[in-house]
Each structure stands twice: as structure tokens, then as C-alpha cells.
């Protein structure tokens, strides 16, 4: 069964969250899911599907949308061959802000008080 955490291409996709995808990310062949979120939030760059580089990564789009960020493609897609490592530089604070926004977004959706929680 497909879930929000799985995109249309299982296996190596950073958003499939599998052993294979983790291994590929550790080799440095693909950006991590956090790198892809930074790419979009900080640099407004859209990661391409690694199985079909003419389309945006569905896993990334779903994750961005779930966090309340702009998720639609703008401009050309970033691929394995287009210098993706230029768009992943972020401070710990910027990464924390991206993570916190998901919790704030979900707390409003479900009327939860998350003031006691912090990553």
C-alpha cells in the first residue's frame, strides 16, 4: 500500500526512506531528504525524480506540501547531473526552522499545543 512517505519510485528515492535510499545518500550519490527540502525552501530549486528527471520528485512535493511550504515546480529541475550540491548549504538554525515549521503547521491542523515539545 502506498503512503505519503513513499513516492512513485521506491528504492533509491530519498523520500522512500528505505535501507537502499539511505545507503545511496551515504555514498553521496543523491541528496538526503533534508537536503532536498533545503534546496526548495532556501533556494527555490525543485529536485527532479531520479527515475524520470523530466518530472519533479513526488516524494519531495508531498513532504513540502505537508509542511506548508510552496511545493510546485519553479524553473528548471535540479538533477544528479546539474550541481545539486550547490543548493544544500544551510545552517543548523535554518534546518531546525524547516523541521519546526512542520510541527507548527500540523499543530494548527489538529489544534495541538506543542509548546512543550522541541526537536
PDB file of N, CA and C in Angstrom:
ATOM      1  N   UNK A   1       0.845  -1.183   0.000  1.00  0.00           N
ATOM      2  CA  UNK A   1       0.000   0.000   0.000  1.00  0.00           C
ATOM      3  C   UNK A   1       0.891   1.248   0.000  1.00  0.00           C
ATOM      4  N   UNK A   2       0.579   2.193  -0.857  1.00  0.00           N
ATOM      5  CA  UNK A   2       1.312   3.450  -0.940  1.00  0.00           C
ATOM      6  C   UNK A   2       0.901   4.353   0.221  1.00  0.00           C
ATOM      7  N   UNK A   3       1.862   5.042   0.793  1.00  0.00           N
ATOM      8  CA  UNK A   3       1.568   6.021   1.829  1.00  0.00           C
ATOM      9  C   UNK A   3       2.201   7.341   1.437  1.00  0.00           C
ATOM     10  N   UNK A   4       1.943   8.357   2.207  1.00  0.00           N
ATOM     11  CA  UNK A   4       2.502   9.672   1.943  1.00  0.00           C
ATOM     12  C   UNK A   4       4.023   9.638   1.977  1.00  0.00           C
ATOM     13  N   UNK A   5       4.609   8.740   2.744  1.00  0.00           N
ATOM     14  CA  UNK A   5       6.052   8.688   2.886  1.00  0.00           C
ATOM     15  C   UNK A   5       6.723   7.960   1.717  1.00  0.00           C
ATOM     16  N   UNK A   6       5.953   7.382   0.829  1.00  0.00           N
ATOM     17  CA  UNK A   6       6.524   6.670  -0.318  1.00  0.00           C
ATOM     18  C   UNK A   6       6.145   7.381  -1.608  1.00  0.00           C
ATOM     19  N   UNK A   7       7.123   7.581  -2.453  1.00  0.00           N
ATOM     20  CA  UNK A   7       6.806   8.218  -3.730  1.00  0.00           C
ATOM     21  C   UNK A   7       6.590   7.137  -4.779  1.00  0.00           C
ATOM     22  N   UNK A   8       6.415   7.562  -5.996  1.00  0.00           N
ATOM     23  CA  UNK A   8       6.092   6.606  -7.045  1.00  0.00           C
ATOM     24  C   UNK A   8       7.283   5.721  -7.407  1.00  0.00           C
ATOM     25  N   UNK A   9       8.478   6.106  -7.048  1.00  0.00           N
ATOM     26  CA  UNK A   9       9.646   5.260  -7.313  1.00  0.00           C
ATOM     27  C   UNK A   9      10.273   4.864  -6.003  1.00  0.00           C
ATOM     28  N   UNK A  10      10.001   3.679  -5.593  1.00  0.00           N
ATOM     29  CA  UNK A  10      10.581   3.179  -4.350  1.00  0.00           C
ATOM     30  C   UNK A  10      12.064   2.954  -4.568  1.00  0.00           C
ATOM     31  N   UNK A  11      12.715   2.359  -3.619  1.00  0.00           N
ATOM     32  CA  UNK A  11      14.123   2.038  -3.791  1.00  0.00           C
ATOM     33  C   UNK A  11      15.019   3.196  -3.450  1.00  0.00           C
ATOM     34  N   UNK A  12      15.670   3.793  -4.455  1.00  0.00           N
ATOM     35  CA  UNK A  12      16.683   4.809  -4.223  1.00  0.00           C
ATOM     36  C   UNK A  12      16.175   6.206  -3.951  1.00  0.00           C
ATOM     37  N   UNK A  13      14.904   6.457  -4.087  1.00  0.00           N
ATOM     38  CA  UNK A  13      14.369   7.800  -3.857  1.00  0.00           C
ATOM     39  C   UNK A  13      14.620   8.221  -2.414  1.00  0.00           C
ATOM     40  N   UNK A  14      15.181   9.418  -2.187  1.00  0.00           N
ATOM     41  CA  UNK A  14      15.421   9.873  -0.816  1.00  0.00           C
ATOM     42  C   UNK A  14      14.160   9.919   0.046  1.00  0.00           C
ATOM     43  N   UNK A  15      12.986   9.987  -0.568  1.00  0.00           N
ATOM     44  CA  UNK A  15      11.736  10.034   0.187  1.00  0.00           C
ATOM     45  C   UNK A  15      11.059   8.671   0.306  1.00  0.00           C
ATOM     46  N   UNK A  16      11.731   7.619  -0.121  1.00  0.00           N
ATOM     47  CA  UNK A  16      11.175   6.286   0.111  1.00  0.00           C
ATOM     48  C   UNK A  16      11.575   5.778   1.484  1.00  0.00           C
ATOM     49  N   UNK A  17      12.601   6.407   2.090  1.00  0.00           N
ATOM     50  CA  UNK A  17      13.046   6.083   3.441  1.00  0.00           C
ATOM     51  C   UNK A  17      13.292   4.586   3.616  1.00  0.00           C
ATOM     52  N   UNK A  18      14.067   4.028   2.696  1.00  0.00           N
ATOM     53  CA  UNK A  18      14.416   2.613   2.747  1.00  0.00           C
ATOM     54  C   UNK A  18      15.908   2.463   3.031  1.00  0.00           C
ATOM     55  N   UNK A  19      16.324   1.244   3.312  1.00  0.00           N
ATOM     56  CA  UNK A  19      17.752   0.973   3.505  1.00  0.00           C
ATOM     57  C   UNK A  19      18.542   1.333   2.247  1.00  0.00           C
ATOM     58  N   UNK A  20      17.969   1.037   1.083  1.00  0.00           N
ATOM     59  CA  UNK A  20      18.644   1.329  -0.184  1.00  0.00           C
ATOM     60  C   UNK A  20      18.818   2.838  -0.357  1.00  0.00           C
ATOM     61  N   UNK A  21      17.772   3.594  -0.082  1.00  0.00           N
ATOM     62  CA  UNK A  21      17.881   5.050  -0.266  1.00  0.00           C
ATOM     63  C   UNK A  21      18.879   5.648   0.729  1.00  0.00           C
ATOM     64  N   UNK A  22      18.887   5.147   1.950  1.00  0.00           N
ATOM     65  CA  UNK A  22      19.861   5.627   2.940  1.00  0.00           C
ATOM     66  C   UNK A  22      21.287   5.311   2.501  1.00  0.00           C
ATOM     67  N   UNK A  23      21.489   4.119   1.963  1.00  0.00           N
ATOM     68  CA  UNK A  23      22.820   3.710   1.516  1.00  0.00           C
ATOM     69  C   UNK A  23      23.300   4.609   0.372  1.00  0.00           C
ATOM     70  N   UNK A  24      22.431   4.887  -0.580  1.00  0.00           N
ATOM     71  CA  UNK A  24      22.781   5.754  -1.710  1.00  0.00           C
ATOM     72  C   UNK A  24      23.124   7.156  -1.222  1.00  0.00           C
ATOM     73  N   UNK A  25      22.338   7.674  -0.272  1.00  0.00           N
ATOM     74  CA  UNK A  25      22.613   9.002   0.271  1.00  0.00           C
ATOM     75  C   UNK A  25      23.955   9.021   0.998  1.00  0.00           C
ATOM     76  N   UNK A  26      24.274   7.944   1.696  1.00  0.00           N
ATOM     77  CA  UNK A  26      25.557   7.870   2.403  1.00  0.00           C
ATOM     78  C   UNK A  26      26.735   7.828   1.435  1.00  0.00           C
ATOM     79  N   UNK A  27      26.534   7.293   0.248  1.00  0.00           N
ATOM     80  CA  UNK A  27      27.590   7.301  -0.766  1.00  0.00           C
ATOM     81  C   UNK A  27      27.782   8.695  -1.361  1.00  0.00           C
ATOM     82  N   UNK A  28      26.807   9.566  -1.175  1.00  0.00           N
ATOM     83  CA  UNK A  28      26.888  10.916  -1.732  1.00  0.00           C
ATOM     84  C   UNK A  28      26.376  10.999  -3.158  1.00  0.00           C
ATOM     85  N   UNK A  29      25.714   9.942  -3.615  1.00  0.00           N
ATOM     86  CA  UNK A  29      25.186   9.925  -4.987  1.00  0.00           C
ATOM     87  C   UNK A  29      23.939  10.783  -5.127  1.00  0.00           C
ATOM     88  N   UNK A  30      23.153  10.869  -4.071  1.00  0.00           N
ATOM     89  CA  UNK A  30      21.918  11.646  -4.077  1.00  0.00           C
ATOM     90  C   UNK A  30      21.854  12.492  -2.812  1.00  0.00           C
ATOM     91  N   UNK A  31      21.161  13.610  -2.870  1.00  0.00           N
ATOM     92  CA  UNK A  31      20.972  14.395  -1.657  1.00  0.00           C
ATOM     93  C   UNK A  31      20.026  13.672  -0.699  1.00  0.00           C
ATOM     94  N   UNK A  32      20.109  14.015   0.565  1.00  0.00           N
ATOM     95  CA  UNK A  32      19.175  13.455   1.544  1.00  0.00           C
ATOM     96  C   UNK A  32      17.829  14.167   1.415  1.00  0.00           C
ATOM     97  N   UNK A  33      16.828  13.631   2.086  1.00  0.00           N
ATOM     98  CA  UNK A  33      15.519  14.288   2.054  1.00  0.00           C
ATOM     99  C   UNK A  33      15.622  15.698   2.659  1.00  0.00           C
ATOM    100  N   UNK A  34      16.429  15.868   3.703  1.00  0.00           N
ATOM    101  CA  UNK A  34      16.628  17.202   4.286  1.00  0.00           C
ATOM    102  C   UNK A  34      17.288  18.139   3.285  1.00  0.00           C
ATOM    103  N   UNK A  35      18.295  17.638   2.561  1.00  0.00           N
ATOM    104  CA  UNK A  35      18.951  18.452   1.531  1.00  0.00           C
ATOM    105  C   UNK A  35      17.942  18.949   0.499  1.00  0.00           C
ATOM    106  N   UNK A  36      17.038  18.084   0.103  1.00  0.00           N
ATOM    107  CA  UNK A  36      16.046  18.439  -0.925  1.00  0.00           C
ATOM    108  C   UNK A  36      15.071  19.484  -0.394  1.00  0.00           C
ATOM    109  N   UNK A  37      14.701  19.386   0.879  1.00  0.00           N
ATOM    110  CA  UNK A  37      13.830  20.403   1.474  1.00  0.00           C
ATOM    111  C   UNK A  37      14.544  21.748   1.539  1.00  0.00           C
ATOM    112  N   UNK A  38      15.816  21.740   1.936  1.00  0.00           N
ATOM    113  CA  UNK A  38      16.612  22.975   1.959  1.00  0.00           C
ATOM    114  C   UNK A  38      16.698  23.563   0.554  1.00  0.00           C
ATOM    115  N   UNK A  39      16.918  22.703  -0.431  1.00  0.00           N
ATOM    116  CA  UNK A  39      17.039  23.120  -1.824  1.00  0.00           C
ATOM    117  C   UNK A  39      15.822  23.947  -2.249  1.00  0.00           C
ATOM    118  N   UNK A  40      14.646  23.501  -1.847  1.00  0.00           N
ATOM    119  CA  UNK A  40      13.416  24.185  -2.249  1.00  0.00           C
ATOM    120  C   UNK A  40      13.140  25.401  -1.367  1.00  0.00           C
ATOM    121  N   UNK A  41      13.227  25.224  -0.046  1.00  0.00           N
ATOM    122  CA  UNK A  41      12.858  26.296   0.882  1.00  0.00           C
ATOM    123  C   UNK A  41      13.831  27.464   0.810  1.00  0.00           C
ATOM    124  N   UNK A  42      15.122  27.184   0.788  1.00  0.00           N
ATOM    125  CA  UNK A  42      16.118  28.259   0.818  1.00  0.00           C
ATOM    126  C   UNK A  42      16.454  28.793  -0.572  1.00  0.00           C
ATOM    127  N   UNK A  43      16.534  27.907  -1.574  1.00  0.00           N
ATOM    128  CA  UNK A  43      16.997  28.314  -2.903  1.00  0.00           C
ATOM    129  C   UNK A  43      15.910  28.288  -3.978  1.00  0.00           C
ATOM    130  N   UNK A  44      14.707  27.852  -3.623  1.00  0.00           N
ATOM    131  CA  UNK A  44      13.585  27.734  -4.560  1.00  0.00           C
ATOM    132  C   UNK A  44      13.928  26.863  -5.770  1.00  0.00           C
ATOM    133  N   UNK A  45      14.652  25.776  -5.510  1.00  0.00           N
ATOM    134  CA  UNK A  45      15.020  24.820  -6.557  1.00  0.00           C
ATOM    135  C   UNK A  45      14.243  23.531  -6.345  1.00  0.00           C
ATOM    136  N   UNK A  46      13.753  22.953  -7.423  1.00  0.00           N
ATOM    137  CA  UNK A  46      12.943  21.747  -7.353  1.00  0.00           C
ATOM    138  C   UNK A  46      13.755  20.537  -7.779  1.00  0.00           C
ATOM    139  N   UNK A  47      13.807  19.534  -6.925  1.00  0.00           N
ATOM    140  CA  UNK A  47      14.534  18.293  -7.193  1.00  0.00           C
ATOM    141  C   UNK A  47      13.741  17.435  -8.169  1.00  0.00           C
ATOM    142  N   UNK A  48      14.440  16.890  -9.153  1.00  0.00           N
ATOM    143  CA  UNK A  48      13.819  16.029 -10.158  1.00  0.00           C
ATOM    144  C   UNK A  48      13.718  14.592  -9.644  1.00  0.00           C
ATOM    145  N   UNK A  49      12.744  13.887 -10.158  1.00  0.00           N
ATOM    146  CA  UNK A  49      12.616  12.458  -9.879  1.00  0.00           C
ATOM    147  C   UNK A  49      13.842  11.755 -10.445  1.00  0.00           C
ATOM    148  N   UNK A  50      14.464  10.920  -9.650  1.00  0.00           N
ATOM    149  CA  UNK A  50      15.698  10.322 -10.118  1.00  0.00           C
ATOM    150  C   UNK A  50      15.447   9.231 -11.151  1.00  0.00           C
ATOM    151  N   UNK A  51      14.212   8.697 -11.202  1.00  0.00           N
ATOM    152  CA  UNK A  51      13.873   7.723 -12.243  1.00  0.00           C
ATOM    153  C   UNK A  51      13.382   8.385 -13.525  1.00  0.00           C
ATOM    154  N   UNK A  52      12.879   9.607 -13.407  1.00  0.00           N
ATOM    155  CA  UNK A  52      12.402  10.353 -14.569  1.00  0.00           C
ATOM    156  C   UNK A  52      12.747  11.826 -14.365  1.00  0.00           C
ATOM    157  N   UNK A  53      13.958  12.243 -14.762  1.00  0.00           N
ATOM    158  CA  UNK A  53      14.421  13.603 -14.475  1.00  0.00           C
ATOM    159  C   UNK A  53      13.672  14.717 -15.205  1.00  0.00           C
ATOM    160  N   UNK A  54      12.655  14.368 -15.983  1.00  0.00           N
ATOM    161  CA  UNK A  54      11.831  15.406 -16.614  1.00  0.00           C
ATOM    162  C   UNK A  54      10.651  15.791 -15.729  1.00  0.00           C
ATOM    163  N   UNK A  55      10.491  15.114 -14.585  1.00  0.00           N
ATOM    164  CA  UNK A  55       9.376  15.379 -13.668  1.00  0.00           C
ATOM    165  C   UNK A  55       9.919  15.674 -12.270  1.00  0.00           C
ATOM    166  N   UNK A  56       9.200  16.487 -11.501  1.00  0.00           N
ATOM    167  CA  UNK A  56       9.639  16.739 -10.128  1.00  0.00           C
ATOM    168  C   UNK A  56       9.460  15.495  -9.259  1.00  0.00           C
ATOM    169  N   UNK A  57      10.241  15.422  -8.204  1.00  0.00           N
ATOM    170  CA  UNK A  57      10.161  14.311  -7.255  1.00  0.00           C
ATOM    171  C   UNK A  57       8.843  14.402  -6.488  1.00  0.00           C
ATOM    172  N   UNK A  58       8.006  13.395  -6.639  1.00  0.00           N
ATOM    173  CA  UNK A  58       6.711  13.380  -5.975  1.00  0.00           C
ATOM    174  C   UNK A  58       6.871  13.310  -4.455  1.00  0.00           C
ATOM    175  N   UNK A  59       7.833  12.526  -3.993  1.00  0.00           N
ATOM    176  CA  UNK A  59       8.070  12.434  -2.550  1.00  0.00           C
ATOM    177  C   UNK A  59       8.406  13.785  -1.947  1.00  0.00           C
ATOM    178  N   UNK A  60       9.247  14.557  -2.635  1.00  0.00           N
ATOM    179  CA  UNK A  60       9.609  15.894  -2.161  1.00  0.00           C
ATOM    180  C   UNK A  60       8.395  16.817  -2.166  1.00  0.00           C
ATOM    181  N   UNK A  61       7.610  16.766  -3.225  1.00  0.00           N
ATOM    182  CA  UNK A  61       6.433  17.627  -3.302  1.00  0.00           C
ATOM    183  C   UNK A  61       5.453  17.325  -2.174  1.00  0.00           C
ATOM    184  N   UNK A  62       5.230  16.045  -1.895  1.00  0.00           N
ATOM    185  CA  UNK A  62       4.315  15.667  -0.823  1.00  0.00           C
ATOM    186  C   UNK A  62       4.840  16.119   0.539  1.00  0.00           C
ATOM    187  N   UNK A  63       6.127  15.967   0.755  1.00  0.00           N
ATOM    188  CA  UNK A  63       6.723  16.372   2.033  1.00  0.00           C
ATOM    189  C   UNK A  63       6.652  17.890   2.212  1.00  0.00           C
ATOM    190  N   UNK A  64       6.984  18.647   1.169  1.00  0.00           N
ATOM    191  CA  UNK A  64       6.901  20.104   1.237  1.00  0.00           C
ATOM    192  C   UNK A  64       5.473  20.557   1.506  1.00  0.00           C
ATOM    193  N   UNK A  65       4.530  19.964   0.803  1.00  0.00           N
ATOM    194  CA  UNK A  65       3.124  20.331   0.979  1.00  0.00           C
ATOM    195  C   UNK A  65       2.669  20.020   2.408  1.00  0.00           C
ATOM    196  N   UNK A  66       3.093  18.879   2.960  1.00  0.00           N
ATOM    197  CA  UNK A  66       2.691  18.511   4.322  1.00  0.00           C
ATOM    198  C   UNK A  66       3.251  19.475   5.359  1.00  0.00           C
ATOM    199  N   UNK A  67       4.331  20.177   5.026  1.00  0.00           N
ATOM    200  CA  UNK A  67       4.943  21.132   5.940  1.00  0.00           C
ATOM    201  C   UNK A  67       4.446  22.557   5.713  1.00  0.00           C
ATOM    202  N   UNK A  68       3.562  22.731   4.734  1.00  0.00           N
ATOM    203  CA  UNK A  68       3.014  24.054   4.480  1.00  0.00           C
ATOM    204  C   UNK A  68       3.897  24.947   3.628  1.00  0.00           C
ATOM    205  N   UNK A  69       4.859  24.356   2.937  1.00  0.00           N
ATOM    206  CA  UNK A  69       5.743  25.118   2.052  1.00  0.00           C
ATOM    207  C   UNK A  69       5.239  25.070   0.616  1.00  0.00           C
ATOM    208  N   UNK A  70       5.700  26.026  -0.174  1.00  0.00           N
ATOM    209  CA  UNK A  70       5.422  26.001  -1.608  1.00  0.00           C
ATOM    210  C   UNK A  70       6.058  24.735  -2.180  1.00  0.00           C
ATOM    211  N   UNK A  71       5.283  23.955  -2.893  1.00  0.00           N
ATOM    212  CA  UNK A  71       5.776  22.664  -3.371  1.00  0.00           C
ATOM    213  C   UNK A  71       5.788  22.545  -4.895  1.00  0.00           C
ATOM    214  N   UNK A  72       5.187  23.515  -5.576  1.00  0.00           N
ATOM    215  CA  UNK A  72       5.115  23.426  -7.039  1.00  0.00           C
ATOM    216  C   UNK A  72       6.454  23.769  -7.676  1.00  0.00           C
ATOM    217  N   UNK A  73       6.670  23.187  -8.847  1.00  0.00           N
ATOM    218  CA  UNK A  73       7.924  23.402  -9.573  1.00  0.00           C
ATOM    219  C   UNK A  73       8.025  24.832 -10.062  1.00  0.00           C
ATOM    220  N   UNK A  74       9.206  25.421  -9.885  1.00  0.00           N
ATOM    221  CA  UNK A  74       9.528  26.741 -10.407  1.00  0.00           C
ATOM    222  C   UNK A  74      10.844  26.597 -11.152  1.00  0.00           C
ATOM    223  N   UNK A  75      10.869  26.975 -12.404  1.00  0.00           N
ATOM    224  CA  UNK A  75      12.109  26.907 -13.171  1.00  0.00           C
ATOM    225  C   UNK A  75      12.505  25.486 -13.528  1.00  0.00           C
ATOM    226  N   UNK A  76      13.763  25.352 -13.898  1.00  0.00           N
ATOM    227  CA  UNK A  76      14.275  24.046 -14.308  1.00  0.00           C
ATOM    228  C   UNK A  76      14.494  23.147 -13.105  1.00  0.00           C
ATOM    229  N   UNK A  77      14.374  21.856 -13.350  1.00  0.00           N
ATOM    230  CA  UNK A  77      14.580  20.876 -12.294  1.00  0.00           C
ATOM    231  C   UNK A  77      16.061  20.668 -12.013  1.00  0.00           C
ATOM    232  N   UNK A  78      16.377  20.400 -10.764  1.00  0.00           N
ATOM    233  CA  UNK A  78      17.739  20.070 -10.363  1.00  0.00           C
ATOM    234  C   UNK A  78      17.864  18.550 -10.388  1.00  0.00           C
ATOM    235  N   UNK A  79      18.924  18.058 -11.035  1.00  0.00           N
ATOM    236  CA  UNK A  79      19.137  16.611 -11.151  1.00  0.00           C
ATOM    237  C   UNK A  79      20.496  16.223 -10.583  1.00  0.00           C
ATOM    238  N   UNK A  80      20.761  14.935 -10.638  1.00  0.00           N
ATOM    239  CA  UNK A  80      22.059  14.417 -10.195  1.00  0.00           C
ATOM    240  C   UNK A  80      23.206  15.055 -10.973  1.00  0.00           C
ATOM    241  N   UNK A  81      22.945  15.481 -12.205  1.00  0.00           N
ATOM    242  CA  UNK A  81      23.985  15.995 -13.087  1.00  0.00           C
ATOM    243  C   UNK A  81      24.061  17.520 -13.158  1.00  0.00           C
ATOM    244  N   UNK A  82      23.247  18.233 -12.370  1.00  0.00           N
ATOM    245  CA  UNK A  82      23.219  19.697 -12.504  1.00  0.00           C
ATOM    246  C   UNK A  82      23.744  20.427 -11.272  1.00  0.00           C
ATOM    247  N   UNK A  83      24.656  19.839 -10.559  1.00  0.00           N
ATOM    248  CA  UNK A  83      25.283  20.523  -9.430  1.00  0.00           C
ATOM    249  C   UNK A  83      24.380  20.717  -8.236  1.00  0.00           C
ATOM    250  N   UNK A  84      23.639  19.682  -7.857  1.00  0.00           N
ATOM    251  CA  UNK A  84      22.703  19.805  -6.745  1.00  0.00           C
ATOM    252  C   UNK A  84      23.387  20.202  -5.440  1.00  0.00           C
ATOM    253  N   UNK A  85      24.656  19.869  -5.303  1.00  0.00           N
ATOM    254  CA  UNK A  85      25.362  20.185  -4.054  1.00  0.00           C
ATOM    255  C   UNK A  85      25.538  21.688  -3.838  1.00  0.00           C
ATOM    256  N   UNK A  86      25.280  22.497  -4.853  1.00  0.00           N
ATOM    257  CA  UNK A  86      25.342  23.952  -4.710  1.00  0.00           C
ATOM    258  C   UNK A  86      24.129  24.503  -3.954  1.00  0.00           C
ATOM    259  N   UNK A  87      23.090  23.690  -3.821  1.00  0.00           N
ATOM    260  CA  UNK A  87      21.824  24.168  -3.256  1.00  0.00           C
ATOM    261  C   UNK A  87      21.445  23.488  -1.943  1.00  0.00           C
ATOM    262  N   UNK A  88      22.414  22.947  -1.218  1.00  0.00           N
ATOM    263  CA  UNK A  88      22.077  22.260   0.027  1.00  0.00           C
ATOM    264  C   UNK A  88      22.728  22.891   1.248  1.00  0.00           C
ATOM    265  N   UNK A  89      23.442  23.980   1.054  1.00  0.00           N
ATOM    266  CA  UNK A  89      24.129  24.631   2.164  1.00  0.00           C
ATOM    267  C   UNK A  89      23.110  25.340   3.053  1.00  0.00           C
ATOM    268  N   UNK A  90      23.070  24.937   4.306  1.00  0.00           N
ATOM    269  CA  UNK A  90      22.154  25.569   5.248  1.00  0.00           C
ATOM    270  C   UNK A  90      22.743  25.480   6.643  1.00  0.00           C
ATOM    271  N   UNK A  91      22.399  26.459   7.451  1.00  0.00           N
ATOM    272  CA  UNK A  91      22.856  26.440   8.841  1.00  0.00           C
ATOM    273  C   UNK A  91      21.981  25.485   9.643  1.00  0.00           C
ATOM    274  N   UNK A  92      22.443  25.116  10.804  1.00  0.00           N
ATOM    275  CA  UNK A  92      21.652  24.265  11.700  1.00  0.00           C
ATOM    276  C   UNK A  92      20.337  24.965  12.040  1.00  0.00           C
ATOM    277  N   UNK A  93      20.385  26.271  12.222  1.00  0.00           N
ATOM    278  CA  UNK A  93      19.181  27.037  12.544  1.00  0.00           C
ATOM    279  C   UNK A  93      18.156  26.987  11.408  1.00  0.00           C
ATOM    280  N   UNK A  94      18.637  27.098  10.157  1.00  0.00           N
ATOM    281  CA  UNK A  94      17.720  27.028   9.012  1.00  0.00           C
ATOM    282  C   UNK A  94      17.081  25.647   8.908  1.00  0.00           C
ATOM    283  N   UNK A  95      17.861  24.611   9.142  1.00  0.00           N
ATOM    284  CA  UNK A  95      17.316  23.250   9.103  1.00  0.00           C
ATOM    285  C   UNK A  95      16.309  23.061  10.231  1.00  0.00           C
ATOM    286  N   UNK A  96      16.623  23.570  11.410  1.00  0.00           N
ATOM    287  CA  UNK A  96      15.698  23.470  12.546  1.00  0.00           C
ATOM    288  C   UNK A  96      14.393  24.198  12.241  1.00  0.00           C
ATOM    289  N   UNK A  97      14.483  25.358  11.598  1.00  0.00           N
ATOM    290  CA  UNK A  97      13.285  26.117  11.250  1.00  0.00           C
ATOM    291  C   UNK A  97      12.392  25.328  10.296  1.00  0.00           C
ATOM    292  N   UNK A  98      12.993  24.638   9.338  1.00  0.00           N
ATOM    293  CA  UNK A  98      12.219  23.803   8.410  1.00  0.00           C
ATOM    294  C   UNK A  98      11.514  22.690   9.181  1.00  0.00           C
ATOM    295  N   UNK A  99      12.236  22.061  10.107  1.00  0.00           N
ATOM    296  CA  UNK A  99      11.635  20.992  10.913  1.00  0.00           C
ATOM    297  C   UNK A  99      10.535  21.547  11.813  1.00  0.00           C
ATOM    298  N   UNK A 100      10.785  22.674  12.475  1.00  0.00           N
ATOM    299  CA  UNK A 100       9.798  23.266  13.373  1.00  0.00           C
ATOM    300  C   UNK A 100       8.530  23.663  12.638  1.00  0.00           C
ATOM    301  N   UNK A 101       8.679  24.122  11.416  1.00  0.00           N
ATOM    302  CA  UNK A 101       7.501  24.569  10.671  1.00  0.00           C
ATOM    303  C   UNK A 101       6.527  23.427  10.463  1.00  0.00           C
ATOM    304  N   UNK A 102       7.011  22.215  10.272  1.00  0.00           N
ATOM    305  CA  UNK A 102       6.126  21.066  10.099  1.00  0.00           C
ATOM    306  C   UNK A 102       5.301  20.868  11.364  1.00  0.00           C
ATOM    307  N   UNK A 103       5.947  20.954  12.534  1.00  0.00           N
ATOM    308  CA  UNK A 103       5.223  20.781  13.781  1.00  0.00           C
ATOM    309  C   UNK A 103       4.220  21.897  14.015  1.00  0.00           C
ATOM    310  N   UNK A 104       4.592  23.130  13.689  1.00  0.00           N
ATOM    311  CA  UNK A 104       3.665  24.255  13.840  1.00  0.00           C
ATOM    312  C   UNK A 104       2.482  24.089  12.893  1.00  0.00           C
ATOM    313  N   UNK A 105       2.751  23.686  11.648  1.00  0.00           N
ATOM    314  CA  UNK A 105       1.713  23.508  10.644  1.00  0.00           C
ATOM    315  C   UNK A 105       0.741  22.425  11.079  1.00  0.00           C
ATOM    316  N   UNK A 106       1.277  21.300  11.546  1.00  0.00           N
ATOM    317  CA  UNK A 106       0.422  20.191  11.968  1.00  0.00           C
ATOM    318  C   UNK A 106      -0.321  20.519  13.256  1.00  0.00           C
ATOM    319  N   UNK A 107       0.278  21.278  14.161  1.00  0.00           N
ATOM    320  CA  UNK A 107      -0.410  21.608  15.409  1.00  0.00           C
ATOM    321  C   UNK A 107      -1.643  22.472  15.131  1.00  0.00           C
ATOM    322  N   UNK A 108      -1.569  23.365  14.151  1.00  0.00           N
ATOM    323  CA  UNK A 108      -2.734  24.171  13.774  1.00  0.00           C
ATOM    324  C   UNK A 108      -3.809  23.296  13.146  1.00  0.00           C
ATOM    325  N   UNK A 109      -3.376  22.353  12.296  1.00  0.00           N
ATOM    326  CA  UNK A 109      -4.317  21.469  11.612  1.00  0.00           C
ATOM    327  C   UNK A 109      -5.085  20.603  12.609  1.00  0.00           C
ATOM    328  N   UNK A 110      -4.398  20.144  13.651  1.00  0.00           N
ATOM    329  CA  UNK A 110      -5.015  19.238  14.616  1.00  0.00           C
ATOM    330  C   UNK A 110      -5.312  19.914  15.958  1.00  0.00           C
ATOM    331  N   UNK A 111      -5.144  21.254  16.021  1.00  0.00           N
ATOM    332  CA  UNK A 111      -5.385  22.028  17.238  1.00  0.00           C
ATOM    333  C   UNK A 111      -4.602  21.463  18.424  1.00  0.00           C
ATOM    334  N   UNK A 112      -3.330  21.196  18.223  1.00  0.00           N
ATOM    335  CA  UNK A 112      -2.477  20.675  19.275  1.00  0.00           C
ATOM    336  C   UNK A 112      -1.621  21.785  19.867  1.00  0.00           C
ATOM    337  N   UNK A 113      -1.327  21.683  21.160  1.00  0.00           N
ATOM    338  CA  UNK A 113      -0.411  22.610  21.806  1.00  0.00           C
ATOM    339  C   UNK A 113       0.939  21.911  21.917  1.00  0.00           C
ATOM    340  N   UNK A 114       1.885  22.313  21.085  1.00  0.00           N
ATOM    341  CA  UNK A 114       3.197  21.680  21.068  1.00  0.00           C
ATOM    342  C   UNK A 114       4.250  22.545  21.736  1.00  0.00           C
ATOM    343  N   UNK A 115       3.830  23.473  22.587  1.00  0.00           N
ATOM    344  CA  UNK A 115       4.781  24.397  23.190  1.00  0.00           C
ATOM    345  C   UNK A 115       5.808  23.695  24.080  1.00  0.00           C
ATOM    346  N   UNK A 116       5.490  22.520  24.584  1.00  0.00           N
ATOM    347  CA  UNK A 116       6.434  21.808  25.436  1.00  0.00           C
ATOM    348  C   UNK A 116       7.417  20.942  24.636  1.00  0.00           C
ATOM    349  N   UNK A 117       7.169  20.802  23.364  1.00  0.00           N
ATOM    350  CA  UNK A 117       7.993  19.918  22.549  1.00  0.00           C
ATOM    351  C   UNK A 117       8.962  20.703  21.697  1.00  0.00           C
ATOM    352  N   UNK A 118      10.131  20.135  21.497  1.00  0.00           N
ATOM    353  CA  UNK A 118      11.152  20.742  20.639  1.00  0.00           C
ATOM    354  C   UNK A 118      12.039  19.620  20.153  1.00  0.00           C
ATOM    355  N   UNK A 119      12.461  19.709  18.900  1.00  0.00           N
ATOM    356  CA  UNK A 119      13.358  18.681  18.359  1.00  0.00           C
ATOM    357  C   UNK A 119      14.681  18.692  19.069  1.00  0.00           C
TER     358      UNK A 119
END
